[in-house]
Protein backbone atom coordinates (compact mmCIF):
# COMPACT_ATOMS: atom_id res chain seq x y z
CA MET A 1 -37.15 18.15 97.31
CA SER A 2 -36.03 20.54 94.61
CA ILE A 3 -34.09 23.68 95.34
CA LEU A 4 -35.90 26.83 94.20
CA THR A 5 -34.08 29.63 92.45
CA GLY A 6 -34.21 33.18 93.76
CA LYS A 7 -36.61 34.19 90.99
CA GLU A 8 -38.98 31.30 91.80
CA LYS A 9 -38.98 32.22 95.50
CA ARG A 10 -39.61 35.87 94.64
CA ASP A 11 -42.59 34.92 92.46
CA LEU A 12 -44.01 32.68 95.18
CA ARG A 13 -43.59 35.42 97.82
CA ALA A 14 -45.45 37.83 95.54
CA ARG A 15 -48.35 35.37 95.21
CA GLY A 16 -48.27 34.69 98.94
CA GLN A 17 -48.81 38.34 99.86
CA ARG A 18 -52.44 38.09 98.78
CA LEU A 19 -53.13 34.90 100.71
CA GLU A 20 -54.98 34.78 103.99
CA PRO A 21 -53.55 32.47 106.65
CA CYS A 22 -55.18 29.06 106.23
CA ALA A 23 -53.93 27.76 109.57
CA SER A 24 -52.75 29.08 112.90
CA ILE A 25 -50.43 27.38 115.32
CA GLY A 26 -51.55 27.88 118.91
CA ARG A 27 -49.58 28.22 122.10
CA ALA A 28 -49.43 24.42 122.40
CA GLY A 29 -47.11 24.39 119.39
CA LEU A 30 -46.97 21.91 116.56
CA SER A 31 -49.58 19.35 117.55
CA PRO A 32 -50.09 16.32 115.29
CA GLY A 33 -53.55 17.61 114.33
CA ALA A 34 -52.19 21.01 113.29
CA VAL A 35 -49.40 19.42 111.24
CA GLU A 36 -51.90 17.09 109.53
CA ASN A 37 -54.20 20.03 108.73
CA ILE A 38 -51.33 22.04 107.23
CA ASP A 39 -50.17 18.97 105.30
CA GLN A 40 -53.64 18.65 103.73
CA PHE A 41 -53.69 22.34 102.78
CA LEU A 42 -50.26 21.96 101.14
CA ALA A 43 -51.37 18.89 99.20
CA ARG A 44 -54.38 20.81 97.89
CA ASN A 45 -52.86 24.26 97.28
CA GLY A 46 -49.07 24.01 97.11
CA LEU A 47 -48.54 27.49 98.59
CA ILE A 48 -50.05 28.44 101.94
CA LYS A 49 -49.70 31.04 104.64
CA VAL A 50 -49.54 29.95 108.29
CA ARG A 51 -49.76 32.13 111.39
CA LEU A 52 -47.33 31.24 114.18
CA PRO A 53 -47.81 32.00 117.89
CA ALA A 54 -46.23 35.05 119.48
CA SER A 55 -42.75 34.11 120.70
CA LYS A 56 -39.13 35.17 120.44
CA SER A 57 -37.81 35.55 116.90
CA ASP A 58 -35.34 32.67 117.20
CA GLU A 59 -38.13 30.35 118.38
CA THR A 60 -40.32 31.44 115.46
CA GLY A 61 -37.58 30.55 112.99
CA HIS A 62 -37.10 27.17 114.65
CA GLN A 63 -40.86 26.49 114.52
CA ALA A 64 -40.93 27.44 110.83
CA GLU A 65 -38.12 25.03 109.95
CA SER A 66 -39.66 22.25 112.04
CA LEU A 67 -43.03 22.70 110.36
CA ALA A 68 -41.43 22.64 106.90
CA LYS A 69 -39.57 19.45 107.74
CA LEU A 70 -42.69 17.75 109.16
CA THR A 71 -44.79 18.65 106.10
CA ASN A 72 -42.09 18.03 103.47
CA SER A 73 -42.27 21.63 102.29
CA GLN A 74 -40.01 24.67 102.00
CA VAL A 75 -40.12 27.96 103.85
CA ILE A 76 -40.48 30.60 101.14
CA GLY A 77 -40.68 33.61 103.39
CA GLN A 78 -41.36 34.73 106.90
CA VAL A 79 -42.42 38.16 108.07
CA GLY A 80 -43.12 38.47 111.77
CA ARG A 81 -45.48 35.67 112.70
CA SER A 82 -46.63 34.93 109.13
CA LEU A 83 -44.98 32.08 107.30
CA LEU A 84 -45.21 31.02 103.64
CA LEU A 85 -44.80 27.31 102.93
CA TYR A 86 -44.49 25.74 99.48
CA ARG A 87 -44.62 22.12 98.41
CA HIS A 88 -43.36 21.23 94.96
CA GLY A 89 -45.73 19.28 92.76
CA VAL A 90 -48.83 21.46 93.06
CA ASP A 91 -48.96 24.53 90.83
CA PRO A 92 -50.13 27.44 93.03
CA SER A 93 -51.12 29.45 89.94
CA GLU A 94 -53.93 26.96 89.25
CA ASN A 95 -55.62 27.85 92.54
CA SER A 96 -57.60 31.03 92.91
CA VAL A 97 -56.17 33.56 95.32
């Protein structure tokens, strides 16, 4: 997985602001079905927004990193319960926002 520069992350966060969450993680956590669904969205779009369940901030960060590892993606940004994931190889500018 390639390391993104600060400018690339900034550009991706700017694009991600306009996105609606395409998936939500429930109270049950990262179920295999949820991870597979998010993996498919990443393969199709490259940049997605995911909504995490309400929990303590340190748990939210841990969930974000776990999800990125399971889906072979990178955490681009996290604000509250919203998480931006990016997978290299799909150009997010090709997809309509």
